[in-house]
Amino acid sequence: MSADQKLVTGAAMRRHEQRIEQLDLIRYAGASGDFNRLHWDSGYAATASPTSGVIVHGMLNIAVLLRVVGDWVGGDDRIVSTSVSLRAPCPVGALVSFGGHVVEVDEQARTAVLAVSAELPDGAPVVDGKRSRVTVRLG
């Protein structure tokens, strides 16, 4: 099945689960320059973090989500725009479930809009699936 055959209203991506570990945060901090102590200092995070522990960079969760979308639609180069609402902090080491589904296809503009989400095992939304969208280019 080609990527465009997947891009019909209602089509759903298969959920992708990934555990984001401390090493991922270190790599992301080095690449992004975001060295906020909430992402590496467990002593500080114990008192300052809403989870009482180290949390994953919100943008790292978004990066993983966009990689999953890119894989599903046939390449990252097909991603046109994103609008993502982060909802809950993601503890380091949590198993995050990423997914999405097509909510609109515009044949004239040659684009499809996906509602995307990321959730913790307890169902808490890391990325709000009701408010987050990724627009992709049809082939």
N, C-alpha and C. Protein backbone atom coordinates (compact mmCIF):
# COMPACT_ATOMS: atom_id res chain seq x y z
N MET A 1 0.85 -1.18 0.00
CA MET A 1 0.00 0.00 0.00
C MET A 1 0.89 1.24 0.00
N SER A 2 0.64 2.17 -0.90
CA SER A 2 1.42 3.40 -0.96
C SER A 2 0.99 4.35 0.15
N ALA A 3 1.85 5.32 0.44
CA ALA A 3 1.54 6.29 1.48
C ALA A 3 0.24 7.03 1.18
N ASP A 4 0.01 7.39 -0.08
CA ASP A 4 -1.20 8.14 -0.42
C ASP A 4 -2.46 7.29 -0.24
N GLN A 5 -2.36 5.98 -0.40
CA GLN A 5 -3.52 5.12 -0.18
C GLN A 5 -3.92 5.11 1.29
N LYS A 6 -2.98 5.40 2.17
CA LYS A 6 -3.27 5.49 3.61
C LYS A 6 -3.96 6.80 3.95
N LEU A 7 -3.75 7.83 3.15
CA LEU A 7 -4.19 9.17 3.51
C LEU A 7 -5.62 9.44 3.03
N VAL A 8 -6.55 8.74 3.66
CA VAL A 8 -7.97 8.95 3.43
C VAL A 8 -8.60 9.27 4.78
N THR A 9 -9.64 10.09 4.76
CA THR A 9 -10.28 10.49 6.00
C THR A 9 -10.65 9.27 6.84
N GLY A 10 -10.25 9.31 8.10
CA GLY A 10 -10.53 8.22 9.03
C GLY A 10 -9.41 7.20 9.16
N ALA A 11 -8.47 7.17 8.22
CA ALA A 11 -7.36 6.21 8.30
C ALA A 11 -6.52 6.51 9.54
N ALA A 12 -6.17 5.46 10.26
CA ALA A 12 -5.41 5.63 11.50
C ALA A 12 -4.02 5.03 11.37
N MET A 13 -3.05 5.73 11.93
CA MET A 13 -1.70 5.20 12.05
C MET A 13 -1.71 4.10 13.10
N ARG A 14 -0.89 3.11 12.93
CA ARG A 14 -0.70 2.13 14.00
C ARG A 14 0.04 2.83 15.14
N ARG A 15 -0.39 2.62 16.37
CA ARG A 15 0.24 3.26 17.52
C ARG A 15 1.70 2.80 17.60
N HIS A 16 2.56 3.73 17.93
CA HIS A 16 3.98 3.45 18.11
C HIS A 16 4.32 3.72 19.57
N GLU A 17 4.88 2.76 20.25
CA GLU A 17 5.26 2.94 21.64
C GLU A 17 6.77 3.07 21.74
N GLN A 18 7.19 4.04 22.55
CA GLN A 18 8.63 4.24 22.74
C GLN A 18 8.89 4.72 24.15
N ARG A 19 9.91 4.16 24.75
CA ARG A 19 10.36 4.58 26.06
C ARG A 19 11.50 5.58 25.85
N ILE A 20 11.35 6.77 26.39
CA ILE A 20 12.39 7.79 26.24
C ILE A 20 13.22 7.80 27.52
N GLU A 21 14.50 7.46 27.36
CA GLU A 21 15.40 7.27 28.49
C GLU A 21 16.30 8.49 28.69
N GLN A 22 17.01 8.49 29.80
CA GLN A 22 17.89 9.61 30.15
C GLN A 22 18.93 9.88 29.05
N LEU A 23 19.47 8.84 28.44
CA LEU A 23 20.44 9.03 27.37
C LEU A 23 19.83 9.81 26.20
N ASP A 24 18.55 9.56 25.90
CA ASP A 24 17.87 10.32 24.85
C ASP A 24 17.80 11.80 25.21
N LEU A 25 17.55 12.10 26.49
CA LEU A 25 17.49 13.48 26.94
C LEU A 25 18.85 14.16 26.83
N ILE A 26 19.90 13.42 27.16
CA ILE A 26 21.26 13.98 27.07
C ILE A 26 21.58 14.31 25.62
N ARG A 27 21.27 13.39 24.72
CA ARG A 27 21.52 13.64 23.29
C ARG A 27 20.72 14.83 22.80
N TYR A 28 19.45 14.88 23.20
CA TYR A 28 18.59 15.98 22.75
C TYR A 28 19.10 17.32 23.31
N ALA A 29 19.50 17.33 24.56
CA ALA A 29 20.01 18.57 25.16
C ALA A 29 21.24 19.05 24.40
N GLY A 30 22.12 18.13 24.05
CA GLY A 30 23.31 18.51 23.30
C GLY A 30 22.98 19.07 21.93
N ALA A 31 22.01 18.48 21.27
CA ALA A 31 21.63 18.92 19.93
C ALA A 31 20.85 20.23 19.97
N SER A 32 20.01 20.41 20.99
CA SER A 32 19.12 21.57 21.02
C SER A 32 19.68 22.73 21.83
N GLY A 33 20.59 22.44 22.74
CA GLY A 33 21.09 23.47 23.64
C GLY A 33 20.17 23.70 24.84
N ASP A 34 19.15 22.86 25.01
CA ASP A 34 18.21 23.00 26.12
C ASP A 34 18.71 22.17 27.30
N PHE A 35 19.42 22.83 28.21
CA PHE A 35 19.99 22.16 29.37
C PHE A 35 19.24 22.48 30.66
N ASN A 36 17.94 22.73 30.55
CA ASN A 36 17.12 22.99 31.73
C ASN A 36 17.30 21.84 32.72
N ARG A 37 17.49 22.18 33.97
CA ARG A 37 17.78 21.18 35.01
C ARG A 37 16.65 20.16 35.19
N LEU A 38 15.44 20.49 34.80
CA LEU A 38 14.32 19.54 34.91
C LEU A 38 14.55 18.29 34.06
N HIS A 39 15.46 18.40 33.08
CA HIS A 39 15.69 17.30 32.14
C HIS A 39 16.91 16.45 32.48
N TRP A 40 17.64 16.79 33.56
CA TRP A 40 18.83 15.99 33.87
C TRP A 40 19.17 15.91 35.35
N ASP A 41 18.75 16.87 36.14
CA ASP A 41 19.16 16.92 37.55
C ASP A 41 18.06 16.33 38.44
N SER A 42 18.22 15.08 38.83
CA SER A 42 17.16 14.40 39.59
C SER A 42 16.90 15.06 40.95
N GLY A 43 17.95 15.57 41.59
CA GLY A 43 17.76 16.25 42.87
C GLY A 43 16.92 17.51 42.72
N TYR A 44 17.25 18.31 41.73
CA TYR A 44 16.48 19.52 41.46
C TYR A 44 15.06 19.16 41.02
N ALA A 45 14.94 18.19 40.10
CA ALA A 45 13.63 17.82 39.57
C ALA A 45 12.72 17.26 40.67
N ALA A 46 13.30 16.62 41.68
CA ALA A 46 12.49 16.07 42.78
C ALA A 46 11.69 17.15 43.48
N THR A 47 12.22 18.37 43.50
CA THR A 47 11.53 19.47 44.18
C THR A 47 10.82 20.42 43.23
N ALA A 48 11.25 20.49 41.97
CA ALA A 48 10.70 21.49 41.05
C ALA A 48 9.77 20.93 39.97
N SER A 49 9.86 19.65 39.69
CA SER A 49 9.10 19.06 38.60
C SER A 49 7.68 18.69 39.05
N PRO A 50 6.70 18.84 38.17
CA PRO A 50 5.34 18.41 38.53
C PRO A 50 5.23 16.90 38.73
N THR A 51 6.22 16.13 38.25
CA THR A 51 6.22 14.68 38.43
C THR A 51 7.14 14.26 39.58
N SER A 52 7.78 15.23 40.21
CA SER A 52 8.78 14.98 41.26
C SER A 52 9.97 14.19 40.75
N GLY A 53 10.23 14.31 39.45
CA GLY A 53 11.36 13.64 38.84
C GLY A 53 11.72 14.28 37.53
N VAL A 54 12.76 13.77 36.90
CA VAL A 54 13.23 14.28 35.61
C VAL A 54 12.14 14.08 34.56
N ILE A 55 11.94 15.10 33.72
CA ILE A 55 10.93 15.00 32.66
C ILE A 55 11.57 15.17 31.28
N VAL A 56 10.91 14.57 30.30
CA VAL A 56 11.36 14.61 28.91
C VAL A 56 11.08 16.00 28.33
N HIS A 57 11.99 16.52 27.53
CA HIS A 57 11.76 17.77 26.81
C HIS A 57 10.48 17.63 25.99
N GLY A 58 9.61 18.62 26.06
CA GLY A 58 8.40 18.58 25.25
C GLY A 58 8.71 18.47 23.76
N MET A 59 9.71 19.20 23.33
CA MET A 59 10.07 19.18 21.91
C MET A 59 10.65 17.84 21.49
N LEU A 60 11.25 17.10 22.41
CA LEU A 60 11.72 15.76 22.08
C LEU A 60 10.53 14.83 21.83
N ASN A 61 9.50 14.94 22.65
CA ASN A 61 8.29 14.15 22.39
C ASN A 61 7.69 14.51 21.03
N ILE A 62 7.68 15.78 20.70
CA ILE A 62 7.15 16.21 19.40
C ILE A 62 8.03 15.66 18.27
N ALA A 63 9.34 15.68 18.45
CA ALA A 63 10.25 15.15 17.43
C ALA A 63 9.98 13.67 17.17
N VAL A 64 9.78 12.89 18.23
CA VAL A 64 9.48 11.47 18.06
C VAL A 64 8.15 11.32 17.33
N LEU A 65 7.16 12.09 17.73
CA LEU A 65 5.85 12.02 17.08
C LEU A 65 5.95 12.34 15.59
N LEU A 66 6.71 13.37 15.24
CA LEU A 66 6.84 13.74 13.82
C LEU A 66 7.63 12.69 13.03
N ARG A 67 8.58 12.01 13.68
CA ARG A 67 9.27 10.92 13.00
C ARG A 67 8.29 9.78 12.69
N VAL A 68 7.42 9.49 13.65
CA VAL A 68 6.41 8.44 13.45
C VAL A 68 5.47 8.82 12.31
N VAL A 69 5.03 10.08 12.29
CA VAL A 69 4.17 10.55 11.20
C VAL A 69 4.91 10.45 9.87
N GLY A 70 6.15 10.93 9.83
CA GLY A 70 6.94 10.89 8.61
C GLY A 70 7.11 9.47 8.08
N ASP A 71 7.37 8.53 8.99
CA ASP A 71 7.50 7.13 8.58
C ASP A 71 6.19 6.63 7.97
N TRP A 72 5.06 7.03 8.54
CA TRP A 72 3.76 6.54 8.07
C TRP A 72 3.36 7.13 6.72
N VAL A 73 3.71 8.40 6.50
CA VAL A 73 3.26 9.05 5.26
C VAL A 73 4.27 8.94 4.13
N GLY A 74 5.41 8.31 4.38
CA GLY A 74 6.37 8.11 3.30
C GLY A 74 7.54 9.06 3.28
N GLY A 75 7.80 9.74 4.38
CA GLY A 75 8.99 10.59 4.48
C GLY A 75 8.72 11.88 5.23
N ASP A 76 9.73 12.30 6.01
CA ASP A 76 9.63 13.55 6.75
C ASP A 76 9.44 14.75 5.84
N ASP A 77 9.93 14.64 4.60
CA ASP A 77 9.82 15.75 3.66
C ASP A 77 8.38 16.04 3.26
N ARG A 78 7.45 15.16 3.60
CA ARG A 78 6.04 15.37 3.27
C ARG A 78 5.31 16.16 4.36
N ILE A 79 5.95 16.40 5.48
CA ILE A 79 5.33 17.17 6.55
C ILE A 79 5.39 18.66 6.18
N VAL A 80 4.22 19.28 6.13
CA VAL A 80 4.11 20.68 5.71
C VAL A 80 4.07 21.61 6.92
N SER A 81 3.27 21.27 7.92
CA SER A 81 3.15 22.14 9.09
C SER A 81 2.67 21.33 10.30
N THR A 82 2.90 21.91 11.47
CA THR A 82 2.46 21.27 12.71
C THR A 82 1.86 22.33 13.63
N SER A 83 0.91 21.90 14.41
CA SER A 83 0.34 22.70 15.49
C SER A 83 0.09 21.73 16.62
N VAL A 84 0.93 21.79 17.66
CA VAL A 84 0.90 20.77 18.69
C VAL A 84 0.66 21.42 20.05
N SER A 85 -0.22 20.80 20.82
CA SER A 85 -0.52 21.26 22.17
C SER A 85 0.01 20.24 23.18
N LEU A 86 1.02 20.65 23.92
CA LEU A 86 1.56 19.79 24.99
C LEU A 86 0.67 19.92 26.21
N ARG A 87 0.31 18.79 26.83
CA ARG A 87 -0.65 18.82 27.93
C ARG A 87 -0.09 18.38 29.27
N ALA A 88 0.73 17.36 29.29
CA ALA A 88 1.21 16.83 30.57
C ALA A 88 2.70 16.56 30.49
N PRO A 89 3.42 16.72 31.60
CA PRO A 89 4.83 16.37 31.59
C PRO A 89 5.01 14.88 31.44
N CYS A 90 6.09 14.50 30.80
CA CYS A 90 6.38 13.10 30.53
C CYS A 90 7.59 12.68 31.35
N PRO A 91 7.40 11.80 32.33
CA PRO A 91 8.55 11.36 33.13
C PRO A 91 9.55 10.58 32.28
N VAL A 92 10.83 10.80 32.55
CA VAL A 92 11.85 10.03 31.85
C VAL A 92 11.63 8.55 32.16
N GLY A 93 11.77 7.72 31.14
CA GLY A 93 11.58 6.29 31.30
C GLY A 93 10.16 5.81 31.06
N ALA A 94 9.21 6.76 30.90
CA ALA A 94 7.82 6.36 30.66
C ALA A 94 7.67 5.79 29.25
N LEU A 95 6.80 4.82 29.10
CA LEU A 95 6.48 4.27 27.79
C LEU A 95 5.40 5.15 27.18
N VAL A 96 5.74 5.86 26.12
CA VAL A 96 4.82 6.81 25.49
C VAL A 96 4.24 6.17 24.22
N SER A 97 2.94 6.33 24.04
CA SER A 97 2.24 5.80 22.87
C SER A 97 1.92 6.96 21.93
N PHE A 98 2.45 6.90 20.71
CA PHE A 98 2.27 7.95 19.71
C PHE A 98 1.31 7.45 18.63
N GLY A 99 0.45 8.32 18.14
CA GLY A 99 -0.47 7.90 17.08
C GLY A 99 -1.16 9.08 16.42
N GLY A 100 -2.06 8.75 15.52
CA GLY A 100 -2.81 9.78 14.84
C GLY A 100 -3.75 9.18 13.82
N HIS A 101 -4.60 10.03 13.28
CA HIS A 101 -5.53 9.60 12.23
C HIS A 101 -5.84 10.79 11.32
N VAL A 102 -6.24 10.49 10.11
CA VAL A 102 -6.53 11.52 9.10
C VAL A 102 -7.91 12.10 9.39
N VAL A 103 -7.97 13.42 9.53
CA VAL A 103 -9.24 14.09 9.78
C VAL A 103 -9.74 14.86 8.56
N GLU A 104 -8.85 15.12 7.60
CA GLU A 104 -9.26 15.89 6.43
C GLU A 104 -8.29 15.64 5.28
N VAL A 105 -8.82 15.52 4.08
CA VAL A 105 -8.01 15.43 2.88
C VAL A 105 -8.49 16.52 1.93
N ASP A 106 -7.55 17.33 1.45
CA ASP A 106 -7.87 18.39 0.48
C ASP A 106 -7.17 18.05 -0.83
N GLU A 107 -7.91 17.44 -1.73
CA GLU A 107 -7.33 17.02 -3.01
C GLU A 107 -6.83 18.20 -3.82
N GLN A 108 -7.53 19.33 -3.74
CA GLN A 108 -7.12 20.51 -4.50
C GLN A 108 -5.78 21.05 -4.01
N ALA A 109 -5.63 21.12 -2.70
CA ALA A 109 -4.36 21.61 -2.12
C ALA A 109 -3.31 20.50 -2.06
N ARG A 110 -3.72 19.26 -2.30
CA ARG A 110 -2.84 18.09 -2.25
C ARG A 110 -2.25 17.90 -0.85
N THR A 111 -3.12 18.04 0.18
CA THR A 111 -2.69 17.87 1.57
C THR A 111 -3.69 17.02 2.34
N ALA A 112 -3.21 16.48 3.44
CA ALA A 112 -4.05 15.78 4.41
C ALA A 112 -3.69 16.30 5.79
N VAL A 113 -4.69 16.39 6.65
CA VAL A 113 -4.49 16.84 8.02
C VAL A 113 -4.70 15.66 8.96
N LEU A 114 -3.73 15.45 9.84
CA LEU A 114 -3.81 14.36 10.82
C LEU A 114 -3.99 14.95 12.21
N ALA A 115 -4.89 14.37 12.98
CA ALA A 115 -4.96 14.64 14.42
C ALA A 115 -3.94 13.70 15.05
N VAL A 116 -3.03 14.24 15.85
CA VAL A 116 -1.95 13.44 16.42
C VAL A 116 -1.97 13.51 17.94
N SER A 117 -1.42 12.46 18.56
CA SER A 117 -1.43 12.42 20.02
C SER A 117 -0.24 11.62 20.54
N ALA A 118 0.02 11.83 21.81
CA ALA A 118 0.99 11.02 22.55
C ALA A 118 0.43 10.88 23.96
N GLU A 119 0.45 9.65 24.47
CA GLU A 119 -0.15 9.38 25.78
C GLU A 119 0.77 8.55 26.65
N LEU A 120 0.65 8.77 27.95
CA LEU A 120 1.33 7.94 28.94
C LEU A 120 0.50 6.67 29.17
N PRO A 121 1.08 5.66 29.80
CA PRO A 121 0.34 4.41 30.01
C PRO A 121 -0.99 4.58 30.76
N ASP A 122 -1.09 5.59 31.62
CA ASP A 122 -2.34 5.81 32.35
C ASP A 122 -3.36 6.60 31.54
N GLY A 123 -3.02 6.91 30.28
CA GLY A 123 -3.93 7.66 29.41
C GLY A 123 -3.75 9.16 29.45
N ALA A 124 -2.88 9.65 30.33
CA ALA A 124 -2.64 11.10 30.41
C ALA A 124 -2.06 11.57 29.08
N PRO A 125 -2.64 12.63 28.50
CA PRO A 125 -2.14 13.11 27.22
C PRO A 125 -0.86 13.93 27.37
N VAL A 126 0.20 13.51 26.71
CA VAL A 126 1.41 14.31 26.62
C VAL A 126 1.23 15.33 25.50
N VAL A 127 0.70 14.86 24.36
CA VAL A 127 0.30 15.71 23.24
C VAL A 127 -1.20 15.53 23.08
N ASP A 128 -1.94 16.62 23.14
CA ASP A 128 -3.39 16.61 23.10
C ASP A 128 -3.91 16.28 21.70
N GLY A 129 -4.50 15.11 21.54
CA GLY A 129 -5.00 14.67 20.25
C GLY A 129 -6.20 15.45 19.74
N LYS A 130 -6.88 16.17 20.60
CA LYS A 130 -8.03 16.99 20.18
C LYS A 130 -7.59 18.32 19.59
N ARG A 131 -6.39 18.76 19.95
CA ARG A 131 -5.94 20.09 19.54
C ARG A 131 -4.69 20.08 18.67
N SER A 132 -4.08 18.93 18.46
CA SER A 132 -2.81 18.86 17.75
C SER A 132 -3.00 18.31 16.34
N ARG A 133 -2.40 19.00 15.38
CA ARG A 133 -2.55 18.64 13.98
C ARG A 133 -1.21 18.68 13.26
N VAL A 134 -1.09 17.77 12.27
CA VAL A 134 0.05 17.77 11.37
C VAL A 134 -0.52 17.74 9.95
N THR A 135 -0.09 18.68 9.14
CA THR A 135 -0.51 18.70 7.73
C THR A 135 0.61 18.09 6.91
N VAL A 136 0.22 17.16 6.04
CA VAL A 136 1.19 16.48 5.18
C VAL A 136 0.82 16.68 3.72
N ARG A 137 1.82 16.62 2.88
CA ARG A 137 1.63 16.75 1.43
C ARG A 137 1.33 15.39 0.84
N LEU A 138 0.33 15.34 -0.02
CA LEU A 138 0.05 14.12 -0.77
C LEU A 138 1.12 13.99 -1.85
N GLY A 139 1.40 12.77 -2.24
CA GLY A 139 2.44 12.52 -3.24
C GLY A 139 2.09 12.99 -4.63
